[in-house]
Amino acid sequence: MSPDPDPDSEPDLVAGEPRTVLRDAFASIRTERRPDGTLDLAGDISAELAQPLLRALDRVAAELVADDERRGGEVRAGGRLQADAFVALLLRVTDPGS
């Protein structure tokens, strides 16, 4: 029988990606408030950070769609789905208890 894995050796994953990588990706994003009151999100995210971020966003978006379908309500799509997935992933990444 093999010994139990060391919990400290297990990566801390969020939506299948390392939390530290996702944190670094989110840290690359900056916000700018425009004179008309809108908020602009921008950033130059390297490919090594962008790819895990995109995979995690796709996973969270799929979870949201599956939940919408399970509930029988309107299924999110397009910009609304992407915005909701972005916020949900950001909350998971920044929640130390998840």
PDB file of N, CA and C in Angstrom:
ATOM      1  N   MET A   1       0.851  -1.177   0.000  1.00  0.00           N
ATOM      2  CA  MET A   1       0.000   0.000   0.000  1.00  0.00           C
ATOM      3  C   MET A   1       0.891   1.232   0.000  1.00  0.00           C
ATOM      4  N   SER A   2       0.569   2.206  -0.881  1.00  0.00           N
ATOM      5  CA  SER A   2       1.390   3.410  -0.959  1.00  0.00           C
ATOM      6  C   SER A   2       0.967   4.396   0.120  1.00  0.00           C
ATOM      7  N   PRO A   3       1.909   5.221   0.559  1.00  0.00           N
ATOM      8  CA  PRO A   3       1.561   6.199   1.597  1.00  0.00           C
ATOM      9  C   PRO A   3       0.617   7.254   1.042  1.00  0.00           C
ATOM     10  N   ASP A   4      -0.127   7.881   1.958  1.00  0.00           N
ATOM     11  CA  ASP A   4      -1.006   8.967   1.546  1.00  0.00           C
ATOM     12  C   ASP A   4      -0.163  10.082   0.952  1.00  0.00           C
ATOM     13  N   PRO A   5      -0.685  10.732  -0.114  1.00  0.00           N
ATOM     14  CA  PRO A   5       0.080  11.831  -0.702  1.00  0.00           C
ATOM     15  C   PRO A   5       0.203  12.988   0.286  1.00  0.00           C
ATOM     16  N   ASP A   6       1.320  13.651   0.207  1.00  0.00           N
ATOM     17  CA  ASP A   6       1.576  14.827   1.041  1.00  0.00           C
ATOM     18  C   ASP A   6       0.700  15.961   0.536  1.00  0.00           C
ATOM     19  N   PRO A   7      -0.229  16.497   1.353  1.00  0.00           N
ATOM     20  CA  PRO A   7      -1.116  17.559   0.877  1.00  0.00           C
ATOM     21  C   PRO A   7      -0.344  18.789   0.416  1.00  0.00           C
ATOM     22  N   ASP A   8       0.833  19.025   0.962  1.00  0.00           N
ATOM     23  CA  ASP A   8       1.616  20.182   0.551  1.00  0.00           C
ATOM     24  C   ASP A   8       2.196  20.009  -0.846  1.00  0.00           C
ATOM     25  N   SER A   9       2.264  18.762  -1.337  1.00  0.00           N
ATOM     26  CA  SER A   9       2.795  18.537  -2.675  1.00  0.00           C
ATOM     27  C   SER A   9       1.706  18.643  -3.741  1.00  0.00           C
ATOM     28  N   GLU A  10       0.437  18.620  -3.334  1.00  0.00           N
ATOM     29  CA  GLU A  10      -0.666  18.745  -4.274  1.00  0.00           C
ATOM     30  C   GLU A  10      -0.822  20.216  -4.665  1.00  0.00           C
ATOM     31  N   PRO A  11      -0.933  20.492  -5.960  1.00  0.00           N
ATOM     32  CA  PRO A  11      -1.113  21.886  -6.366  1.00  0.00           C
ATOM     33  C   PRO A  11      -2.488  22.407  -5.946  1.00  0.00           C
ATOM     34  N   ASP A  12      -2.560  23.665  -5.625  1.00  0.00           N
ATOM     35  CA  ASP A  12      -3.813  24.323  -5.285  1.00  0.00           C
ATOM     36  C   ASP A  12      -4.477  24.737  -6.591  1.00  0.00           C
ATOM     37  N   LEU A  13      -5.473  23.958  -7.013  1.00  0.00           N
ATOM     38  CA  LEU A  13      -6.108  24.185  -8.307  1.00  0.00           C
ATOM     39  C   LEU A  13      -7.443  24.895  -8.164  1.00  0.00           C
ATOM     40  N   VAL A  14      -7.720  25.749  -9.131  1.00  0.00           N
ATOM     41  CA  VAL A  14      -9.010  26.413  -9.258  1.00  0.00           C
ATOM     42  C   VAL A  14      -9.430  26.220 -10.714  1.00  0.00           C
ATOM     43  N   ALA A  15     -10.587  25.618 -10.919  1.00  0.00           N
ATOM     44  CA  ALA A  15     -11.077  25.315 -12.267  1.00  0.00           C
ATOM     45  C   ALA A  15     -10.012  24.569 -13.071  1.00  0.00           C
ATOM     46  N   GLY A  16      -9.281  23.686 -12.382  1.00  0.00           N
ATOM     47  CA  GLY A  16      -8.299  22.841 -13.038  1.00  0.00           C
ATOM     48  C   GLY A  16      -6.944  23.464 -13.290  1.00  0.00           C
ATOM     49  N   GLU A  17      -6.738  24.689 -12.855  1.00  0.00           N
ATOM     50  CA  GLU A  17      -5.472  25.398 -13.098  1.00  0.00           C
ATOM     51  C   GLU A  17      -4.871  25.859 -11.771  1.00  0.00           C
ATOM     52  N   PRO A  18      -3.545  25.980 -11.718  1.00  0.00           N
ATOM     53  CA  PRO A  18      -2.906  26.426 -10.476  1.00  0.00           C
ATOM     54  C   PRO A  18      -3.371  27.826 -10.060  1.00  0.00           C
ATOM     55  N   ARG A  19      -3.785  27.933  -8.806  1.00  0.00           N
ATOM     56  CA  ARG A  19      -4.261  29.223  -8.280  1.00  0.00           C
ATOM     57  C   ARG A  19      -3.220  30.325  -8.471  1.00  0.00           C
ATOM     58  N   THR A  20      -1.945  30.018  -8.232  1.00  0.00           N
ATOM     59  CA  THR A  20      -0.906  31.054  -8.346  1.00  0.00           C
ATOM     60  C   THR A  20      -0.799  31.583  -9.769  1.00  0.00           C
ATOM     61  N   VAL A  21      -0.945  30.705 -10.752  1.00  0.00           N
ATOM     62  CA  VAL A  21      -0.880  31.141 -12.152  1.00  0.00           C
ATOM     63  C   VAL A  21      -2.070  32.036 -12.475  1.00  0.00           C
ATOM     64  N   LEU A  22      -3.251  31.634 -12.019  1.00  0.00           N
ATOM     65  CA  LEU A  22      -4.438  32.449 -12.271  1.00  0.00           C
ATOM     66  C   LEU A  22      -4.355  33.795 -11.561  1.00  0.00           C
ATOM     67  N   ARG A  23      -3.810  33.798 -10.351  1.00  0.00           N
ATOM     68  CA  ARG A  23      -3.635  35.079  -9.637  1.00  0.00           C
ATOM     69  C   ARG A  23      -2.710  36.001 -10.415  1.00  0.00           C
ATOM     70  N   ASP A  24      -1.621  35.433 -10.937  1.00  0.00           N
ATOM     71  CA  ASP A  24      -0.690  36.241 -11.723  1.00  0.00           C
ATOM     72  C   ASP A  24      -1.363  36.780 -12.982  1.00  0.00           C
ATOM     73  N   ALA A  25      -2.204  35.966 -13.614  1.00  0.00           N
ATOM     74  CA  ALA A  25      -2.924  36.423 -14.805  1.00  0.00           C
ATOM     75  C   ALA A  25      -3.864  37.574 -14.457  1.00  0.00           C
ATOM     76  N   PHE A  26      -4.632  37.417 -13.386  1.00  0.00           N
ATOM     77  CA  PHE A  26      -5.541  38.490 -12.975  1.00  0.00           C
ATOM     78  C   PHE A  26      -4.770  39.742 -12.564  1.00  0.00           C
ATOM     79  N   ALA A  27      -3.598  39.572 -11.978  1.00  0.00           N
ATOM     80  CA  ALA A  27      -2.794  40.729 -11.569  1.00  0.00           C
ATOM     81  C   ALA A  27      -2.283  41.513 -12.777  1.00  0.00           C
ATOM     82  N   SER A  28      -2.286  40.893 -13.947  1.00  0.00           N
ATOM     83  CA  SER A  28      -1.840  41.565 -15.167  1.00  0.00           C
ATOM     84  C   SER A  28      -2.921  42.466 -15.760  1.00  0.00           C
ATOM     85  N   ILE A  29      -4.116  42.390 -15.215  1.00  0.00           N
ATOM     86  CA  ILE A  29      -5.243  43.158 -15.734  1.00  0.00           C
ATOM     87  C   ILE A  29      -5.363  44.459 -14.950  1.00  0.00           C
ATOM     88  N   ARG A  30      -5.544  45.533 -15.669  1.00  0.00           N
ATOM     89  CA  ARG A  30      -5.714  46.837 -15.004  1.00  0.00           C
ATOM     90  C   ARG A  30      -7.085  47.411 -15.387  1.00  0.00           C
ATOM     91  N   THR A  31      -7.570  48.287 -14.557  1.00  0.00           N
ATOM     92  CA  THR A  31      -8.847  48.927 -14.826  1.00  0.00           C
ATOM     93  C   THR A  31      -8.638  50.419 -15.014  1.00  0.00           C
ATOM     94  N   GLU A  32      -9.502  50.993 -15.815  1.00  0.00           N
ATOM     95  CA  GLU A  32      -9.468  52.445 -16.033  1.00  0.00           C
ATOM     96  C   GLU A  32     -10.896  52.936 -16.137  1.00  0.00           C
ATOM     97  N   ARG A  33     -11.219  53.915 -15.319  1.00  0.00           N
ATOM     98  CA  ARG A  33     -12.554  54.506 -15.367  1.00  0.00           C
ATOM     99  C   ARG A  33     -12.559  55.579 -16.454  1.00  0.00           C
ATOM    100  N   ARG A  34     -13.515  55.482 -17.338  1.00  0.00           N
ATOM    101  CA  ARG A  34     -13.637  56.441 -18.437  1.00  0.00           C
ATOM    102  C   ARG A  34     -14.516  57.606 -18.005  1.00  0.00           C
ATOM    103  N   PRO A  35     -14.370  58.747 -18.694  1.00  0.00           N
ATOM    104  CA  PRO A  35     -15.175  59.925 -18.335  1.00  0.00           C
ATOM    105  C   PRO A  35     -16.685  59.682 -18.400  1.00  0.00           C
ATOM    106  N   ASP A  36     -17.115  58.734 -19.264  1.00  0.00           N
ATOM    107  CA  ASP A  36     -18.558  58.479 -19.373  1.00  0.00           C
ATOM    108  C   ASP A  36     -19.071  57.542 -18.288  1.00  0.00           C
ATOM    109  N   GLY A  37     -18.190  57.129 -17.357  1.00  0.00           N
ATOM    110  CA  GLY A  37     -18.597  56.286 -16.247  1.00  0.00           C
ATOM    111  C   GLY A  37     -18.382  54.801 -16.473  1.00  0.00           C
ATOM    112  N   THR A  38     -18.011  54.415 -17.684  1.00  0.00           N
ATOM    113  CA  THR A  38     -17.761  52.999 -17.933  1.00  0.00           C
ATOM    114  C   THR A  38     -16.373  52.621 -17.410  1.00  0.00           C
ATOM    115  N   LEU A  39     -16.179  51.342 -17.281  1.00  0.00           N
ATOM    116  CA  LEU A  39     -14.918  50.822 -16.768  1.00  0.00           C
ATOM    117  C   LEU A  39     -14.266  49.988 -17.858  1.00  0.00           C
ATOM    118  N   ASP A  40     -13.005  50.261 -18.126  1.00  0.00           N
ATOM    119  CA  ASP A  40     -12.256  49.549 -19.139  1.00  0.00           C
ATOM    120  C   ASP A  40     -11.297  48.586 -18.456  1.00  0.00           C
ATOM    121  N   LEU A  41     -11.366  47.306 -18.828  1.00  0.00           N
ATOM    122  CA  LEU A  41     -10.424  46.306 -18.341  1.00  0.00           C
ATOM    123  C   LEU A  41      -9.436  46.050 -19.467  1.00  0.00           C
ATOM    124  N   ALA A  42      -8.147  46.094 -19.150  1.00  0.00           N
ATOM    125  CA  ALA A  42      -7.123  45.864 -20.166  1.00  0.00           C
ATOM    126  C   ALA A  42      -5.917  45.218 -19.520  1.00  0.00           C
ATOM    127  N   GLY A  43      -5.122  44.599 -20.347  1.00  0.00           N
ATOM    128  CA  GLY A  43      -3.896  44.006 -19.831  1.00  0.00           C
ATOM    129  C   GLY A  43      -3.177  43.229 -20.894  1.00  0.00           C
ATOM    130  N   ASP A  44      -1.893  43.116 -20.711  1.00  0.00           N
ATOM    131  CA  ASP A  44      -1.062  42.286 -21.570  1.00  0.00           C
ATOM    132  C   ASP A  44      -0.699  41.059 -20.752  1.00  0.00           C
ATOM    133  N   ILE A  45      -1.330  39.955 -21.085  1.00  0.00           N
ATOM    134  CA  ILE A  45      -1.129  38.715 -20.342  1.00  0.00           C
ATOM    135  C   ILE A  45      -0.291  37.781 -21.207  1.00  0.00           C
ATOM    136  N   SER A  46       0.833  37.364 -20.687  1.00  0.00           N
ATOM    137  CA  SER A  46       1.714  36.481 -21.445  1.00  0.00           C
ATOM    138  C   SER A  46       1.005  35.167 -21.765  1.00  0.00           C
ATOM    139  N   ALA A  47       1.473  34.494 -22.808  1.00  0.00           N
ATOM    140  CA  ALA A  47       0.861  33.231 -23.222  1.00  0.00           C
ATOM    141  C   ALA A  47       0.905  32.198 -22.106  1.00  0.00           C
ATOM    142  N   GLU A  48       1.968  32.196 -21.317  1.00  0.00           N
ATOM    143  CA  GLU A  48       2.067  31.206 -20.237  1.00  0.00           C
ATOM    144  C   GLU A  48       1.032  31.433 -19.148  1.00  0.00           C
ATOM    145  N   LEU A  49       0.521  32.648 -19.037  1.00  0.00           N
ATOM    146  CA  LEU A  49      -0.560  32.936 -18.092  1.00  0.00           C
ATOM    147  C   LEU A  49      -1.922  32.931 -18.785  1.00  0.00           C
ATOM    148  N   ALA A  50      -1.950  33.368 -20.043  1.00  0.00           N
ATOM    149  CA  ALA A  50      -3.219  33.482 -20.766  1.00  0.00           C
ATOM    150  C   ALA A  50      -3.849  32.122 -21.029  1.00  0.00           C
ATOM    151  N   GLN A  51      -3.055  31.144 -21.403  1.00  0.00           N
ATOM    152  CA  GLN A  51      -3.613  29.842 -21.736  1.00  0.00           C
ATOM    153  C   GLN A  51      -4.309  29.193 -20.537  1.00  0.00           C
ATOM    154  N   PRO A  52      -3.692  29.155 -19.347  1.00  0.00           N
ATOM    155  CA  PRO A  52      -4.408  28.605 -18.190  1.00  0.00           C
ATOM    156  C   PRO A  52      -5.649  29.430 -17.828  1.00  0.00           C
ATOM    157  N   LEU A  53      -5.556  30.740 -17.972  1.00  0.00           N
ATOM    158  CA  LEU A  53      -6.705  31.597 -17.670  1.00  0.00           C
ATOM    159  C   LEU A  53      -7.855  31.284 -18.624  1.00  0.00           C
ATOM    160  N   LEU A  54      -7.577  31.159 -19.897  1.00  0.00           N
ATOM    161  CA  LEU A  54      -8.623  30.855 -20.870  1.00  0.00           C
ATOM    162  C   LEU A  54      -9.234  29.477 -20.633  1.00  0.00           C
ATOM    163  N   ARG A  55      -8.392  28.495 -20.310  1.00  0.00           N
ATOM    164  CA  ARG A  55      -8.929  27.160 -20.015  1.00  0.00           C
ATOM    165  C   ARG A  55      -9.848  27.203 -18.792  1.00  0.00           C
ATOM    166  N   ALA A  56      -9.424  27.917 -17.752  1.00  0.00           N
ATOM    167  CA  ALA A  56     -10.234  28.019 -16.533  1.00  0.00           C
ATOM    168  C   ALA A  56     -11.545  28.753 -16.826  1.00  0.00           C
ATOM    169  N   LEU A  57     -11.486  29.821 -17.606  1.00  0.00           N
ATOM    170  CA  LEU A  57     -12.710  30.546 -17.961  1.00  0.00           C
ATOM    171  C   LEU A  57     -13.667  29.649 -18.743  1.00  0.00           C
ATOM    172  N   ASP A  58     -13.132  28.851 -19.655  1.00  0.00           N
ATOM    173  CA  ASP A  58     -13.984  27.923 -20.412  1.00  0.00           C
ATOM    174  C   ASP A  58     -14.648  26.904 -19.495  1.00  0.00           C
ATOM    175  N   ARG A  59     -13.891  26.397 -18.517  1.00  0.00           N
ATOM    176  CA  ARG A  59     -14.456  25.417 -17.582  1.00  0.00           C
ATOM    177  C   ARG A  59     -15.576  26.024 -16.748  1.00  0.00           C
ATOM    178  N   VAL A  60     -15.337  27.234 -16.235  1.00  0.00           N
ATOM    179  CA  VAL A  60     -16.350  27.897 -15.414  1.00  0.00           C
ATOM    180  C   VAL A  60     -17.576  28.235 -16.254  1.00  0.00           C
ATOM    181  N   ALA A  61     -17.363  28.701 -17.481  1.00  0.00           N
ATOM    182  CA  ALA A  61     -18.494  29.004 -18.366  1.00  0.00           C
ATOM    183  C   ALA A  61     -19.324  27.743 -18.617  1.00  0.00           C
ATOM    184  N   ALA A  62     -18.666  26.620 -18.833  1.00  0.00           N
ATOM    185  CA  ALA A  62     -19.385  25.353 -19.051  1.00  0.00           C
ATOM    186  C   ALA A  62     -20.184  24.968 -17.804  1.00  0.00           C
ATOM    187  N   GLU A  63     -19.612  25.201 -16.628  1.00  0.00           N
ATOM    188  CA  GLU A  63     -20.339  24.918 -15.380  1.00  0.00           C
ATOM    189  C   GLU A  63     -21.588  25.791 -15.269  1.00  0.00           C
ATOM    190  N   LEU A  64     -21.455  27.069 -15.633  1.00  0.00           N
ATOM    191  CA  LEU A  64     -22.594  27.988 -15.549  1.00  0.00           C
ATOM    192  C   LEU A  64     -23.701  27.563 -16.513  1.00  0.00           C
ATOM    193  N   VAL A  65     -23.326  27.185 -17.739  1.00  0.00           N
ATOM    194  CA  VAL A  65     -24.311  26.747 -18.724  1.00  0.00           C
ATOM    195  C   VAL A  65     -25.009  25.477 -18.231  1.00  0.00           C
ATOM    196  N   ALA A  66     -24.223  24.526 -17.721  1.00  0.00           N
ATOM    197  CA  ALA A  66     -24.807  23.278 -17.218  1.00  0.00           C
ATOM    198  C   ALA A  66     -25.771  23.561 -16.068  1.00  0.00           C
ATOM    199  N   ASP A  67     -25.419  24.496 -15.195  1.00  0.00           N
ATOM    200  CA  ASP A  67     -26.296  24.834 -14.083  1.00  0.00           C
ATOM    201  C   ASP A  67     -27.573  25.495 -14.583  1.00  0.00           C
ATOM    202  N   ASP A  68     -27.440  26.402 -15.561  1.00  0.00           N
ATOM    203  CA  ASP A  68     -28.626  27.041 -16.142  1.00  0.00           C
ATOM    204  C   ASP A  68     -29.553  25.991 -16.749  1.00  0.00           C
ATOM    205  N   GLU A  69     -28.969  25.038 -17.489  1.00  0.00           N
ATOM    206  CA  GLU A  69     -29.775  23.993 -18.122  1.00  0.00           C
ATOM    207  C   GLU A  69     -30.446  23.115 -17.075  1.00  0.00           C
ATOM    208  N   ARG A  70     -29.711  22.787 -16.020  1.00  0.00           N
ATOM    209  CA  ARG A  70     -30.262  21.954 -14.952  1.00  0.00           C
ATOM    210  C   ARG A  70     -31.445  22.641 -14.283  1.00  0.00           C
ATOM    211  N   ARG A  71     -31.338  23.932 -14.104  1.00  0.00           N
ATOM    212  CA  ARG A  71     -32.401  24.697 -13.447  1.00  0.00           C
ATOM    213  C   ARG A  71     -33.594  24.948 -14.365  1.00  0.00           C
ATOM    214  N   GLY A  72     -33.385  24.787 -15.667  1.00  0.00           N
ATOM    215  CA  GLY A  72     -34.477  24.980 -16.619  1.00  0.00           C
ATOM    216  C   GLY A  72     -34.747  26.434 -16.959  1.00  0.00           C
ATOM    217  N   GLY A  73     -33.867  27.315 -16.586  1.00  0.00           N
ATOM    218  CA  GLY A  73     -34.061  28.728 -16.885  1.00  0.00           C
ATOM    219  C   GLY A  73     -33.361  29.133 -18.164  1.00  0.00           C
ATOM    220  N   GLU A  74     -33.286  30.423 -18.361  1.00  0.00           N
ATOM    221  CA  GLU A  74     -32.582  30.951 -19.525  1.00  0.00           C
ATOM    222  C   GLU A  74     -31.104  30.559 -19.419  1.00  0.00           C
ATOM    223  N   VAL A  75     -30.549  30.086 -20.508  1.00  0.00           N
ATOM    224  CA  VAL A  75     -29.149  29.675 -20.541  1.00  0.00           C
ATOM    225  C   VAL A  75     -28.309  30.869 -20.995  1.00  0.00           C
ATOM    226  N   ARG A  76     -27.375  31.231 -20.148  1.00  0.00           N
ATOM    227  CA  ARG A  76     -26.500  32.355 -20.483  1.00  0.00           C
ATOM    228  C   ARG A  76     -25.661  32.046 -21.715  1.00  0.00           C
ATOM    229  N   ALA A  77     -25.328  33.109 -22.461  1.00  0.00           N
ATOM    230  CA  ALA A  77     -24.499  32.959 -23.656  1.00  0.00           C
ATOM    231  C   ALA A  77     -23.790  34.285 -23.929  1.00  0.00           C
ATOM    232  N   GLY A  78     -22.847  34.240 -24.845  1.00  0.00           N
ATOM    233  CA  GLY A  78     -22.189  35.450 -25.316  1.00  0.00           C
ATOM    234  C   GLY A  78     -21.492  36.239 -24.226  1.00  0.00           C
ATOM    235  N   GLY A  79     -21.623  37.538 -24.309  1.00  0.00           N
ATOM    236  CA  GLY A  79     -20.944  38.438 -23.384  1.00  0.00           C
ATOM    237  C   GLY A  79     -21.370  38.257 -21.941  1.00  0.00           C
ATOM    238  N   ARG A  80     -22.655  37.981 -21.746  1.00  0.00           N
ATOM    239  CA  ARG A  80     -23.130  37.774 -20.367  1.00  0.00           C
ATOM    240  C   ARG A  80     -22.476  36.542 -19.750  1.00  0.00           C
ATOM    241  N   LEU A  81     -22.399  35.458 -20.521  1.00  0.00           N
ATOM    242  CA  LEU A  81     -21.769  34.241 -20.027  1.00  0.00           C
ATOM    243  C   LEU A  81     -20.294  34.494 -19.724  1.00  0.00           C
ATOM    244  N   GLN A  82     -19.604  35.171 -20.618  1.00  0.00           N
ATOM    245  CA  GLN A  82     -18.182  35.432 -20.410  1.00  0.00           C
ATOM    246  C   GLN A  82     -17.952  36.335 -19.197  1.00  0.00           C
ATOM    247  N   ALA A  83     -18.783  37.348 -19.031  1.00  0.00           N
ATOM    248  CA  ALA A  83     -18.642  38.238 -17.875  1.00  0.00           C
ATOM    249  C   ALA A  83     -18.916  37.493 -16.574  1.00  0.00           C
ATOM    250  N   ASP A  84     -19.971  36.676 -16.560  1.00  0.00           N
ATOM    251  CA  ASP A  84     -20.298  35.913 -15.355  1.00  0.00           C
ATOM    252  C   ASP A  84     -19.195  34.904 -15.029  1.00  0.00           C
ATOM    253  N   ALA A  85     -18.639  34.261 -16.053  1.00  0.00           N
ATOM    254  CA  ALA A  85     -17.556  33.302 -15.831  1.00  0.00           C
ATOM    255  C   ALA A  85     -16.313  34.016 -15.303  1.00  0.00           C
ATOM    256  N   PHE A  86     -16.021  35.196 -15.818  1.00  0.00           N
ATOM    257  CA  PHE A  86     -14.865  35.976 -15.369  1.00  0.00           C
ATOM    258  C   PHE A  86     -15.001  36.309 -13.883  1.00  0.00           C
ATOM    259  N   VAL A  87     -16.162  36.820 -13.503  1.00  0.00           N
ATOM    260  CA  VAL A  87     -16.390  37.193 -12.104  1.00  0.00           C
ATOM    261  C   VAL A  87     -16.358  35.951 -11.210  1.00  0.00           C
ATOM    262  N   ALA A  88     -17.006  34.872 -11.631  1.00  0.00           N
ATOM    263  CA  ALA A  88     -17.021  33.645 -10.821  1.00  0.00           C
ATOM    264  C   ALA A  88     -15.608  33.102 -10.625  1.00  0.00           C
ATOM    265  N   LEU A  89     -14.806  33.112 -11.685  1.00  0.00           N
ATOM    266  CA  LEU A  89     -13.434  32.626 -11.565  1.00  0.00           C
ATOM    267  C   LEU A  89     -12.618  33.543 -10.659  1.00  0.00           C
ATOM    268  N   LEU A  90     -12.760  34.837 -10.821  1.00  0.00           N
ATOM    269  CA  LEU A  90     -12.036  35.788  -9.971  1.00  0.00           C
ATOM    270  C   LEU A  90     -12.370  35.559  -8.498  1.00  0.00           C
ATOM    271  N   LEU A  91     -13.644  35.348  -8.191  1.00  0.00           N
ATOM    272  CA  LEU A  91     -14.052  35.101  -6.807  1.00  0.00           C
ATOM    273  C   LEU A  91     -13.441  33.801  -6.276  1.00  0.00           C
ATOM    274  N   ARG A  92     -13.415  32.773  -7.104  1.00  0.00           N
ATOM    275  CA  ARG A  92     -12.819  31.504  -6.662  1.00  0.00           C
ATOM    276  C   ARG A  92     -11.316  31.643  -6.422  1.00  0.00           C
ATOM    277  N   VAL A  93     -10.648  32.350  -7.299  1.00  0.00           N
ATOM    278  CA  VAL A  93      -9.192  32.507  -7.191  1.00  0.00           C
ATOM    279  C   VAL A  93      -8.828  33.286  -5.930  1.00  0.00           C
ATOM    280  N   THR A  94      -9.618  34.289  -5.606  1.00  0.00           N
ATOM    281  CA  THR A  94      -9.297  35.143  -4.458  1.00  0.00           C
ATOM    282  C   THR A  94      -9.851  34.631  -3.143  1.00  0.00           C
ATOM    283  N   ASP A  95     -10.670  33.563  -3.173  1.00  0.00           N
ATOM    284  CA  ASP A  95     -11.221  32.986  -1.953  1.00  0.00           C
ATOM    285  C   ASP A  95     -10.238  31.968  -1.389  1.00  0.00           C
ATOM    286  N   PRO A  96      -9.583  32.282  -0.285  1.00  0.00           N
ATOM    287  CA  PRO A  96      -8.587  31.357   0.249  1.00  0.00           C
ATOM    288  C   PRO A  96      -9.202  30.064   0.775  1.00  0.00           C
ATOM    289  N   GLY A  97     -10.490  30.038   0.998  1.00  0.00           N
ATOM    290  CA  GLY A  97     -11.140  28.845   1.526  1.00  0.00           C
ATOM    291  C   GLY A  97     -11.580  27.862   0.476  1.00  0.00           C
ATOM    292  N   SER A  98     -11.449  28.232  -0.799  1.00  0.00           N
ATOM    293  CA  SER A  98     -11.925  27.306  -1.853  1.00  0.00           C
ATOM    294  C   SER A  98     -10.834  26.409  -2.356  1.00  0.00           C
TER     295      SER A  98
END
